């Protein structure tokens, strides 16, 4: 499980006193914990509505553990935050902070599954366009909704969106 690997790497970083890894993994663990807490709350609310059948604390704890795909969502979200901060720090000429964000992003990306190449993304886009019958840019939503479950965690959403736009625009020319 990905969560266990993150914990082991965190313990290793602590022993080796790697400060940037320690802080990055601590932040990631906190984000995962918060997501589990949110999931636990939703489960407990759903459990109280169903004919008074409340989940036991142990069951609730077990059910609220994040699966690997949910951890990947948290990772993607954290990486996106780093990218946005990086852009702002570079605009503000804060090279020190930009360098820190890049290092954190690199550490987080180690936990993502292998990313699709641009060529693989284009192939998936072509298949999605054929399947949805998209012809113009206004059909982009259909293509994206077909495509995103397939590329989730394996490609940057903004890159996918950009390529979909390019392909749909080129089809109209």
N, C-alpha and C. Protein backbone atom coordinates (compact mmCIF):
# COMPACT_ATOMS: atom_id res chain seq x y z
N UNK A 1 0.83 -1.19 0.00
CA UNK A 1 0.00 0.00 0.00
C UNK A 1 0.87 1.25 0.00
N UNK A 2 0.45 2.22 -0.74
CA UNK A 2 1.19 3.47 -0.91
C UNK A 2 1.36 4.22 0.41
N UNK A 3 0.34 4.20 1.22
CA UNK A 3 0.39 4.90 2.51
C UNK A 3 1.48 4.32 3.41
N UNK A 4 1.64 3.01 3.38
CA UNK A 4 2.67 2.33 4.17
C UNK A 4 4.06 2.69 3.66
N UNK A 5 4.20 2.76 2.33
CA UNK A 5 5.49 3.14 1.73
C UNK A 5 5.87 4.56 2.16
N UNK A 6 4.90 5.46 2.17
CA UNK A 6 5.15 6.84 2.58
C UNK A 6 5.61 6.87 4.04
N UNK A 7 4.96 6.10 4.89
CA UNK A 7 5.34 6.04 6.31
C UNK A 7 6.76 5.50 6.48
N UNK A 8 7.10 4.44 5.74
CA UNK A 8 8.45 3.86 5.83
C UNK A 8 9.50 4.87 5.37
N UNK A 9 9.21 5.55 4.26
CA UNK A 9 10.14 6.56 3.74
C UNK A 9 10.29 7.72 4.72
N UNK A 10 9.21 8.07 5.40
CA UNK A 10 9.25 9.13 6.41
C UNK A 10 10.17 8.72 7.56
N UNK A 11 10.01 7.49 8.03
CA UNK A 11 10.86 6.99 9.13
C UNK A 11 12.33 6.98 8.71
N UNK A 12 12.58 6.56 7.47
CA UNK A 12 13.95 6.52 6.94
C UNK A 12 14.53 7.94 6.87
N UNK A 13 13.74 8.88 6.39
CA UNK A 13 14.19 10.28 6.30
C UNK A 13 14.49 10.84 7.68
N UNK A 14 13.68 10.47 8.67
CA UNK A 14 13.93 10.91 10.04
C UNK A 14 15.28 10.40 10.55
N UNK A 15 15.55 9.12 10.29
CA UNK A 15 16.81 8.53 10.74
C UNK A 15 18.01 9.17 10.05
N UNK A 16 17.82 9.50 8.77
CA UNK A 16 18.92 10.07 7.98
C UNK A 16 18.97 11.60 8.08
N UNK A 17 18.03 12.17 8.81
CA UNK A 17 17.95 13.62 9.04
C UNK A 17 17.90 14.43 7.74
N UNK A 18 17.07 13.98 6.81
CA UNK A 18 16.87 14.69 5.54
C UNK A 18 15.72 15.67 5.74
N UNK A 19 16.05 16.91 6.04
CA UNK A 19 15.04 17.88 6.47
C UNK A 19 13.96 18.15 5.43
N UNK A 20 14.33 18.30 4.16
CA UNK A 20 13.31 18.61 3.13
C UNK A 20 12.36 17.43 2.96
N UNK A 21 12.89 16.20 3.00
CA UNK A 21 12.03 15.02 2.88
C UNK A 21 11.13 14.88 4.10
N UNK A 22 11.69 15.14 5.26
CA UNK A 22 10.91 15.04 6.50
C UNK A 22 9.72 16.00 6.44
N UNK A 23 9.99 17.26 6.11
CA UNK A 23 8.90 18.25 6.09
C UNK A 23 7.88 17.94 5.00
N UNK A 24 8.35 17.51 3.84
CA UNK A 24 7.43 17.20 2.73
C UNK A 24 6.55 15.99 3.06
N UNK A 25 7.17 14.95 3.58
CA UNK A 25 6.40 13.74 3.91
C UNK A 25 5.49 13.97 5.11
N UNK A 26 5.92 14.80 6.04
CA UNK A 26 5.05 15.14 7.19
C UNK A 26 3.81 15.87 6.68
N UNK A 27 4.01 16.80 5.76
CA UNK A 27 2.88 17.54 5.18
C UNK A 27 1.96 16.58 4.43
N UNK A 28 2.55 15.65 3.68
CA UNK A 28 1.76 14.69 2.91
C UNK A 28 0.96 13.78 3.85
N UNK A 29 1.60 13.32 4.92
CA UNK A 29 0.89 12.49 5.89
C UNK A 29 -0.28 13.25 6.52
N UNK A 30 -0.07 14.53 6.79
CA UNK A 30 -1.15 15.35 7.36
C UNK A 30 -2.30 15.49 6.37
N UNK A 31 -1.97 15.68 5.09
CA UNK A 31 -3.01 15.80 4.06
C UNK A 31 -3.80 14.49 3.95
N UNK A 32 -3.10 13.37 4.02
CA UNK A 32 -3.76 12.06 3.96
C UNK A 32 -4.65 11.88 5.19
N UNK A 33 -4.13 12.24 6.36
CA UNK A 33 -4.90 12.13 7.60
C UNK A 33 -6.18 12.97 7.51
N UNK A 34 -6.06 14.19 7.00
CA UNK A 34 -7.24 15.06 6.87
C UNK A 34 -8.27 14.48 5.92
N UNK A 35 -7.81 13.87 4.84
CA UNK A 35 -8.72 13.24 3.88
C UNK A 35 -9.43 12.05 4.53
N UNK A 36 -8.69 11.29 5.33
CA UNK A 36 -9.30 10.15 6.04
C UNK A 36 -10.33 10.63 7.06
N UNK A 37 -10.01 11.71 7.73
CA UNK A 37 -10.92 12.29 8.71
C UNK A 37 -12.22 12.74 8.03
N UNK A 38 -12.07 13.37 6.88
CA UNK A 38 -13.23 13.81 6.10
C UNK A 38 -14.07 12.60 5.67
N UNK A 39 -13.40 11.55 5.21
CA UNK A 39 -14.08 10.32 4.78
C UNK A 39 -14.80 9.67 5.97
N UNK A 40 -14.14 9.65 7.12
CA UNK A 40 -14.71 9.07 8.34
C UNK A 40 -15.99 9.82 8.73
N UNK A 41 -15.93 11.15 8.65
CA UNK A 41 -17.09 11.97 8.99
C UNK A 41 -18.26 11.65 8.05
N UNK A 42 -17.97 11.59 6.75
CA UNK A 42 -19.02 11.29 5.78
C UNK A 42 -19.63 9.92 6.03
N UNK A 43 -18.77 8.94 6.35
CA UNK A 43 -19.27 7.58 6.64
C UNK A 43 -20.13 7.57 7.90
N UNK A 44 -19.70 8.32 8.91
CA UNK A 44 -20.48 8.33 10.16
C UNK A 44 -21.83 9.01 9.95
N UNK A 45 -21.86 10.04 9.11
CA UNK A 45 -23.12 10.71 8.81
C UNK A 45 -24.05 9.79 8.02
N UNK A 46 -23.49 9.08 7.06
CA UNK A 46 -24.30 8.14 6.27
C UNK A 46 -24.79 7.00 7.15
N UNK A 47 -23.96 6.56 8.10
CA UNK A 47 -24.31 5.47 9.00
C UNK A 47 -25.44 5.82 9.95
N UNK A 48 -25.52 7.09 10.40
CA UNK A 48 -26.58 7.48 11.33
C UNK A 48 -27.91 7.66 10.62
N UNK A 49 -27.88 7.91 9.33
CA UNK A 49 -29.12 8.11 8.58
C UNK A 49 -29.80 6.78 8.24
N UNK A 50 -29.01 5.71 8.13
CA UNK A 50 -29.54 4.42 7.71
C UNK A 50 -30.14 3.65 8.89
N UNK A 51 -31.39 3.76 9.08
CA UNK A 51 -32.15 3.00 10.08
C UNK A 51 -31.45 2.87 11.43
N UNK A 52 -30.78 3.90 11.84
CA UNK A 52 -30.13 3.92 13.15
C UNK A 52 -28.96 2.96 13.30
N UNK A 53 -28.52 2.37 12.22
CA UNK A 53 -27.41 1.41 12.28
C UNK A 53 -26.08 2.17 12.22
N UNK A 54 -25.54 2.46 13.39
CA UNK A 54 -24.26 3.18 13.43
C UNK A 54 -23.11 2.21 13.27
N UNK A 55 -22.09 2.68 12.56
CA UNK A 55 -20.89 1.87 12.42
C UNK A 55 -20.11 1.91 13.73
N UNK A 56 -19.55 0.78 14.11
CA UNK A 56 -18.71 0.74 15.30
C UNK A 56 -17.44 1.53 15.01
N UNK A 57 -16.82 2.00 16.07
CA UNK A 57 -15.62 2.83 15.93
C UNK A 57 -14.54 2.11 15.12
N UNK A 58 -14.32 0.82 15.39
CA UNK A 58 -13.30 0.05 14.68
C UNK A 58 -13.64 -0.07 13.20
N UNK A 59 -14.93 -0.34 12.92
CA UNK A 59 -15.36 -0.47 11.53
C UNK A 59 -15.21 0.86 10.81
N UNK A 60 -15.57 1.93 11.49
CA UNK A 60 -15.47 3.27 10.92
C UNK A 60 -14.02 3.60 10.60
N UNK A 61 -13.15 3.26 11.52
CA UNK A 61 -11.70 3.49 11.34
C UNK A 61 -11.19 2.74 10.12
N UNK A 62 -11.58 1.48 10.01
CA UNK A 62 -11.13 0.63 8.91
C UNK A 62 -11.68 1.13 7.57
N UNK A 63 -12.96 1.47 7.55
CA UNK A 63 -13.61 1.92 6.32
C UNK A 63 -13.07 3.27 5.83
N UNK A 64 -12.57 4.08 6.76
CA UNK A 64 -12.12 5.41 6.36
C UNK A 64 -10.67 5.46 5.90
N UNK A 65 -9.98 4.31 5.95
CA UNK A 65 -8.61 4.27 5.45
C UNK A 65 -8.62 4.52 3.94
N UNK A 66 -7.70 5.35 3.49
CA UNK A 66 -7.64 5.68 2.06
C UNK A 66 -7.01 4.54 1.27
N UNK A 67 -7.59 4.26 0.12
CA UNK A 67 -7.04 3.28 -0.80
C UNK A 67 -5.97 4.00 -1.62
N UNK A 68 -5.17 3.23 -2.36
CA UNK A 68 -4.07 3.82 -3.13
C UNK A 68 -4.54 4.89 -4.11
N UNK A 69 -5.67 4.67 -4.78
CA UNK A 69 -6.15 5.66 -5.74
C UNK A 69 -6.53 6.97 -5.04
N UNK A 70 -7.03 6.87 -3.82
CA UNK A 70 -7.37 8.08 -3.06
C UNK A 70 -6.11 8.79 -2.58
N UNK A 71 -5.08 8.03 -2.22
CA UNK A 71 -3.79 8.63 -1.83
C UNK A 71 -3.19 9.33 -3.04
N UNK A 72 -3.33 8.74 -4.22
CA UNK A 72 -2.81 9.36 -5.44
C UNK A 72 -3.53 10.69 -5.70
N UNK A 73 -4.83 10.74 -5.42
CA UNK A 73 -5.57 12.01 -5.55
C UNK A 73 -4.99 13.07 -4.63
N UNK A 74 -4.68 12.68 -3.39
CA UNK A 74 -4.09 13.62 -2.42
C UNK A 74 -2.73 14.08 -2.94
N UNK A 75 -1.93 13.14 -3.43
CA UNK A 75 -0.62 13.47 -3.98
C UNK A 75 -0.74 14.45 -5.14
N UNK A 76 -1.66 14.17 -6.05
CA UNK A 76 -1.86 15.05 -7.21
C UNK A 76 -2.25 16.45 -6.77
N UNK A 77 -3.11 16.52 -5.78
CA UNK A 77 -3.54 17.81 -5.24
C UNK A 77 -2.37 18.58 -4.64
N UNK A 78 -1.54 17.89 -3.88
CA UNK A 78 -0.38 18.52 -3.25
C UNK A 78 0.64 18.98 -4.30
N UNK A 79 0.82 18.18 -5.34
CA UNK A 79 1.74 18.56 -6.42
C UNK A 79 1.21 19.79 -7.15
N UNK A 80 -0.11 19.82 -7.38
CA UNK A 80 -0.72 20.98 -8.04
C UNK A 80 -0.49 22.25 -7.21
N UNK A 81 -0.63 22.14 -5.89
CA UNK A 81 -0.38 23.29 -5.01
C UNK A 81 1.05 23.77 -5.16
N UNK A 82 1.98 22.83 -5.24
CA UNK A 82 3.40 23.18 -5.38
C UNK A 82 3.66 23.89 -6.71
N UNK A 83 3.02 23.40 -7.78
CA UNK A 83 3.20 24.02 -9.10
C UNK A 83 2.70 25.46 -9.09
N UNK A 84 1.53 25.66 -8.49
CA UNK A 84 0.96 27.01 -8.42
C UNK A 84 1.85 27.94 -7.60
N UNK A 85 2.36 27.44 -6.48
CA UNK A 85 3.24 28.24 -5.63
C UNK A 85 4.55 28.54 -6.37
N UNK A 86 5.05 27.56 -7.09
CA UNK A 86 6.29 27.73 -7.85
C UNK A 86 6.17 28.87 -8.84
N UNK A 87 5.07 28.91 -9.56
CA UNK A 87 4.84 29.97 -10.54
C UNK A 87 4.84 31.34 -9.85
N UNK A 88 4.15 31.42 -8.72
CA UNK A 88 4.08 32.69 -7.99
C UNK A 88 5.45 33.11 -7.44
N UNK A 89 6.21 32.16 -6.92
CA UNK A 89 7.53 32.48 -6.38
C UNK A 89 8.49 32.91 -7.49
N UNK A 90 8.37 32.28 -8.66
CA UNK A 90 9.24 32.68 -9.78
C UNK A 90 8.87 34.08 -10.26
N UNK A 91 7.59 34.40 -10.29
CA UNK A 91 7.16 35.75 -10.66
C UNK A 91 7.66 36.78 -9.66
N UNK A 92 7.66 36.40 -8.40
CA UNK A 92 8.09 37.30 -7.33
C UNK A 92 9.60 37.30 -7.13
N UNK A 93 10.30 36.60 -8.03
CA UNK A 93 11.77 36.52 -7.97
C UNK A 93 12.28 35.99 -6.63
N UNK A 94 11.56 34.99 -6.08
CA UNK A 94 11.98 34.33 -4.84
C UNK A 94 12.56 32.97 -5.20
N UNK A 95 13.78 32.99 -5.68
CA UNK A 95 14.44 31.76 -6.13
C UNK A 95 14.60 30.73 -5.00
N UNK A 96 14.83 31.21 -3.78
CA UNK A 96 14.99 30.30 -2.65
C UNK A 96 13.72 29.49 -2.40
N UNK A 97 12.57 30.17 -2.41
CA UNK A 97 11.30 29.48 -2.18
C UNK A 97 10.91 28.62 -3.38
N UNK A 98 11.23 29.10 -4.59
CA UNK A 98 10.93 28.32 -5.80
C UNK A 98 11.73 27.02 -5.78
N UNK A 99 12.98 27.10 -5.35
CA UNK A 99 13.83 25.91 -5.27
C UNK A 99 13.25 24.89 -4.28
N UNK A 100 12.75 25.39 -3.15
CA UNK A 100 12.13 24.52 -2.14
C UNK A 100 10.89 23.82 -2.70
N UNK A 101 10.06 24.58 -3.42
CA UNK A 101 8.84 24.00 -4.02
C UNK A 101 9.19 22.92 -5.04
N UNK A 102 10.23 23.17 -5.85
CA UNK A 102 10.66 22.18 -6.84
C UNK A 102 11.12 20.90 -6.16
N UNK A 103 11.89 21.06 -5.08
CA UNK A 103 12.38 19.88 -4.34
C UNK A 103 11.22 19.09 -3.75
N UNK A 104 10.24 19.78 -3.18
CA UNK A 104 9.07 19.11 -2.61
C UNK A 104 8.27 18.39 -3.70
N UNK A 105 8.12 19.06 -4.85
CA UNK A 105 7.39 18.45 -5.96
C UNK A 105 8.07 17.16 -6.42
N UNK A 106 9.39 17.20 -6.51
CA UNK A 106 10.14 16.03 -6.95
C UNK A 106 9.94 14.86 -5.98
N UNK A 107 9.96 15.15 -4.68
CA UNK A 107 9.76 14.10 -3.66
C UNK A 107 8.36 13.51 -3.81
N UNK A 108 7.35 14.37 -3.97
CA UNK A 108 5.96 13.90 -4.08
C UNK A 108 5.75 13.07 -5.35
N UNK A 109 6.39 13.49 -6.44
CA UNK A 109 6.20 12.79 -7.72
C UNK A 109 6.74 11.36 -7.68
N UNK A 110 7.66 11.08 -6.76
CA UNK A 110 8.18 9.72 -6.62
C UNK A 110 7.10 8.72 -6.25
N UNK A 111 6.01 9.19 -5.68
CA UNK A 111 4.94 8.30 -5.21
C UNK A 111 3.82 8.13 -6.24
N UNK A 112 3.86 8.91 -7.30
CA UNK A 112 2.84 8.78 -8.34
C UNK A 112 3.17 7.60 -9.25
N UNK A 113 2.15 7.00 -9.84
CA UNK A 113 2.45 5.94 -10.82
C UNK A 113 3.14 6.55 -12.03
N UNK A 114 3.72 5.71 -12.87
CA UNK A 114 4.42 6.21 -14.05
C UNK A 114 3.47 7.07 -14.88
N UNK A 115 3.96 8.23 -15.27
CA UNK A 115 3.14 9.19 -16.00
C UNK A 115 3.07 8.84 -17.49
N UNK A 116 1.91 9.14 -18.11
CA UNK A 116 1.75 8.92 -19.54
C UNK A 116 2.62 9.91 -20.31
N UNK A 117 3.14 9.46 -21.45
CA UNK A 117 3.87 10.37 -22.33
C UNK A 117 2.84 11.19 -23.10
N UNK A 118 3.29 12.26 -23.72
CA UNK A 118 2.37 13.11 -24.49
C UNK A 118 1.76 12.30 -25.63
N UNK A 119 2.55 11.41 -26.22
CA UNK A 119 2.07 10.56 -27.32
C UNK A 119 0.94 9.64 -26.84
N UNK A 120 1.11 9.04 -25.66
CA UNK A 120 0.08 8.16 -25.10
C UNK A 120 -1.20 8.95 -24.78
N UNK A 121 -1.02 10.17 -24.28
CA UNK A 121 -2.18 11.02 -23.98
C UNK A 121 -2.93 11.34 -25.26
N UNK A 122 -2.20 11.69 -26.33
CA UNK A 122 -2.84 12.00 -27.61
C UNK A 122 -3.64 10.80 -28.15
N UNK A 123 -3.09 9.61 -27.97
CA UNK A 123 -3.77 8.39 -28.43
C UNK A 123 -5.09 8.21 -27.66
N UNK A 124 -5.04 8.40 -26.33
CA UNK A 124 -6.24 8.29 -25.50
C UNK A 124 -7.27 9.36 -25.88
N UNK A 125 -6.78 10.55 -26.19
CA UNK A 125 -7.67 11.65 -26.59
C UNK A 125 -8.38 11.30 -27.89
N UNK A 126 -7.64 10.78 -28.84
CA UNK A 126 -8.25 10.39 -30.13
C UNK A 126 -9.34 9.35 -29.92
N UNK A 127 -9.08 8.37 -29.04
CA UNK A 127 -10.08 7.33 -28.74
C UNK A 127 -11.31 7.96 -28.08
N UNK A 128 -11.09 8.89 -27.16
CA UNK A 128 -12.21 9.54 -26.46
C UNK A 128 -13.03 10.39 -27.42
N UNK A 129 -12.36 11.05 -28.36
CA UNK A 129 -13.07 11.88 -29.35
C UNK A 129 -13.94 10.98 -30.24
N UNK A 130 -13.40 9.85 -30.67
CA UNK A 130 -14.17 8.92 -31.50
C UNK A 130 -15.38 8.40 -30.72
N UNK A 131 -15.14 8.03 -29.46
CA UNK A 131 -16.21 7.45 -28.64
C UNK A 131 -17.33 8.45 -28.37
N UNK A 132 -16.96 9.72 -28.10
CA UNK A 132 -17.97 10.73 -27.77
C UNK A 132 -18.54 11.42 -29.01
N UNK A 133 -17.86 11.27 -30.15
CA UNK A 133 -18.31 11.93 -31.37
C UNK A 133 -18.07 13.44 -31.33
N UNK A 134 -17.10 13.87 -30.56
CA UNK A 134 -16.80 15.30 -30.43
C UNK A 134 -16.27 15.85 -31.75
N UNK A 135 -16.76 17.04 -32.09
CA UNK A 135 -16.35 17.64 -33.36
C UNK A 135 -15.73 19.03 -33.16
N UNK A 136 -16.16 19.74 -32.13
CA UNK A 136 -15.68 21.10 -31.93
C UNK A 136 -15.34 21.36 -30.47
N UNK A 137 -14.81 22.54 -30.21
CA UNK A 137 -14.31 22.90 -28.88
C UNK A 137 -15.40 22.85 -27.81
N UNK A 138 -16.65 23.09 -28.21
CA UNK A 138 -17.74 23.06 -27.22
C UNK A 138 -18.00 21.64 -26.70
N UNK A 139 -17.47 20.63 -27.40
CA UNK A 139 -17.60 19.24 -26.97
C UNK A 139 -16.48 18.80 -26.03
N UNK A 140 -15.65 19.76 -25.63
CA UNK A 140 -14.49 19.44 -24.80
C UNK A 140 -14.89 18.76 -23.49
N UNK A 141 -15.98 19.19 -22.88
CA UNK A 141 -16.44 18.61 -21.62
C UNK A 141 -16.72 17.13 -21.74
N UNK A 142 -17.35 16.73 -22.85
CA UNK A 142 -17.64 15.31 -23.08
C UNK A 142 -16.34 14.50 -23.15
N UNK A 143 -15.39 15.04 -23.90
CA UNK A 143 -14.11 14.35 -24.08
C UNK A 143 -13.38 14.24 -22.74
N UNK A 144 -13.35 15.34 -21.99
CA UNK A 144 -12.65 15.34 -20.70
C UNK A 144 -13.29 14.37 -19.71
N UNK A 145 -14.63 14.32 -19.68
CA UNK A 145 -15.30 13.41 -18.74
C UNK A 145 -15.05 11.95 -19.12
N UNK A 146 -14.87 11.68 -20.38
CA UNK A 146 -14.55 10.34 -20.85
C UNK A 146 -13.10 9.99 -20.52
N UNK A 147 -12.24 10.98 -20.63
CA UNK A 147 -10.80 10.79 -20.53
C UNK A 147 -10.24 10.77 -19.11
N UNK A 148 -10.74 11.65 -18.25
CA UNK A 148 -10.12 11.83 -16.93
C UNK A 148 -10.07 10.57 -16.06
N UNK A 149 -11.09 9.72 -16.05
CA UNK A 149 -10.95 8.50 -15.24
C UNK A 149 -9.79 7.61 -15.71
N UNK A 150 -9.46 7.65 -17.00
CA UNK A 150 -8.38 6.82 -17.54
C UNK A 150 -7.00 7.38 -17.22
N UNK A 151 -6.90 8.70 -17.11
CA UNK A 151 -5.58 9.32 -16.90
C UNK A 151 -5.35 9.80 -15.47
N UNK A 152 -6.35 9.62 -14.62
CA UNK A 152 -6.28 10.10 -13.24
C UNK A 152 -5.01 9.62 -12.54
N UNK A 153 -4.20 10.57 -12.08
CA UNK A 153 -2.97 10.23 -11.39
C UNK A 153 -1.81 9.87 -12.30
N UNK A 154 -2.10 9.69 -13.59
CA UNK A 154 -1.06 9.28 -14.52
C UNK A 154 -0.72 10.37 -15.53
N UNK A 155 -1.44 11.50 -15.44
CA UNK A 155 -1.15 12.63 -16.32
C UNK A 155 -1.70 13.89 -15.66
N UNK A 156 -1.02 14.98 -15.91
CA UNK A 156 -1.44 16.27 -15.37
C UNK A 156 -2.71 16.73 -16.09
N UNK A 157 -3.74 17.05 -15.34
CA UNK A 157 -5.03 17.46 -15.91
C UNK A 157 -4.93 18.67 -16.82
N UNK A 158 -4.07 19.63 -16.47
CA UNK A 158 -3.94 20.83 -17.30
C UNK A 158 -3.28 20.49 -18.64
N UNK A 159 -2.34 19.54 -18.63
CA UNK A 159 -1.70 19.11 -19.88
C UNK A 159 -2.72 18.40 -20.76
N UNK A 160 -3.52 17.53 -20.16
CA UNK A 160 -4.55 16.80 -20.90
C UNK A 160 -5.53 17.80 -21.52
N UNK A 161 -5.97 18.76 -20.73
CA UNK A 161 -6.90 19.78 -21.20
C UNK A 161 -6.32 20.56 -22.38
N UNK A 162 -5.07 20.94 -22.26
CA UNK A 162 -4.39 21.70 -23.32
C UNK A 162 -4.34 20.90 -24.62
N UNK A 163 -3.99 19.61 -24.51
CA UNK A 163 -3.89 18.77 -25.70
C UNK A 163 -5.27 18.53 -26.32
N UNK A 164 -6.29 18.34 -25.47
CA UNK A 164 -7.66 18.16 -25.99
C UNK A 164 -8.06 19.40 -26.80
N UNK A 165 -7.79 20.58 -26.26
CA UNK A 165 -8.10 21.82 -26.99
C UNK A 165 -7.40 21.86 -28.33
N UNK A 166 -6.09 21.56 -28.33
CA UNK A 166 -5.31 21.56 -29.58
C UNK A 166 -5.92 20.62 -30.61
N UNK A 167 -6.24 19.41 -30.16
CA UNK A 167 -6.76 18.39 -31.08
C UNK A 167 -8.12 18.82 -31.62
N UNK A 168 -9.01 19.31 -30.76
CA UNK A 168 -10.34 19.72 -31.22
C UNK A 168 -10.25 20.92 -32.15
N UNK A 169 -9.38 21.86 -31.86
CA UNK A 169 -9.21 23.03 -32.74
C UNK A 169 -8.66 22.61 -34.08
N UNK A 170 -7.68 21.70 -34.09
CA UNK A 170 -7.08 21.24 -35.35
C UNK A 170 -8.10 20.46 -36.20
N UNK A 171 -9.07 19.83 -35.56
CA UNK A 171 -10.11 19.09 -36.30
C UNK A 171 -11.05 20.06 -37.05
N UNK A 172 -11.19 21.27 -36.52
CA UNK A 172 -12.08 22.26 -37.15
C UNK A 172 -11.40 23.03 -38.27
N UNK A 173 -10.06 22.96 -38.33
CA UNK A 173 -9.34 23.69 -39.38
C UNK A 173 -9.39 23.00 -40.71
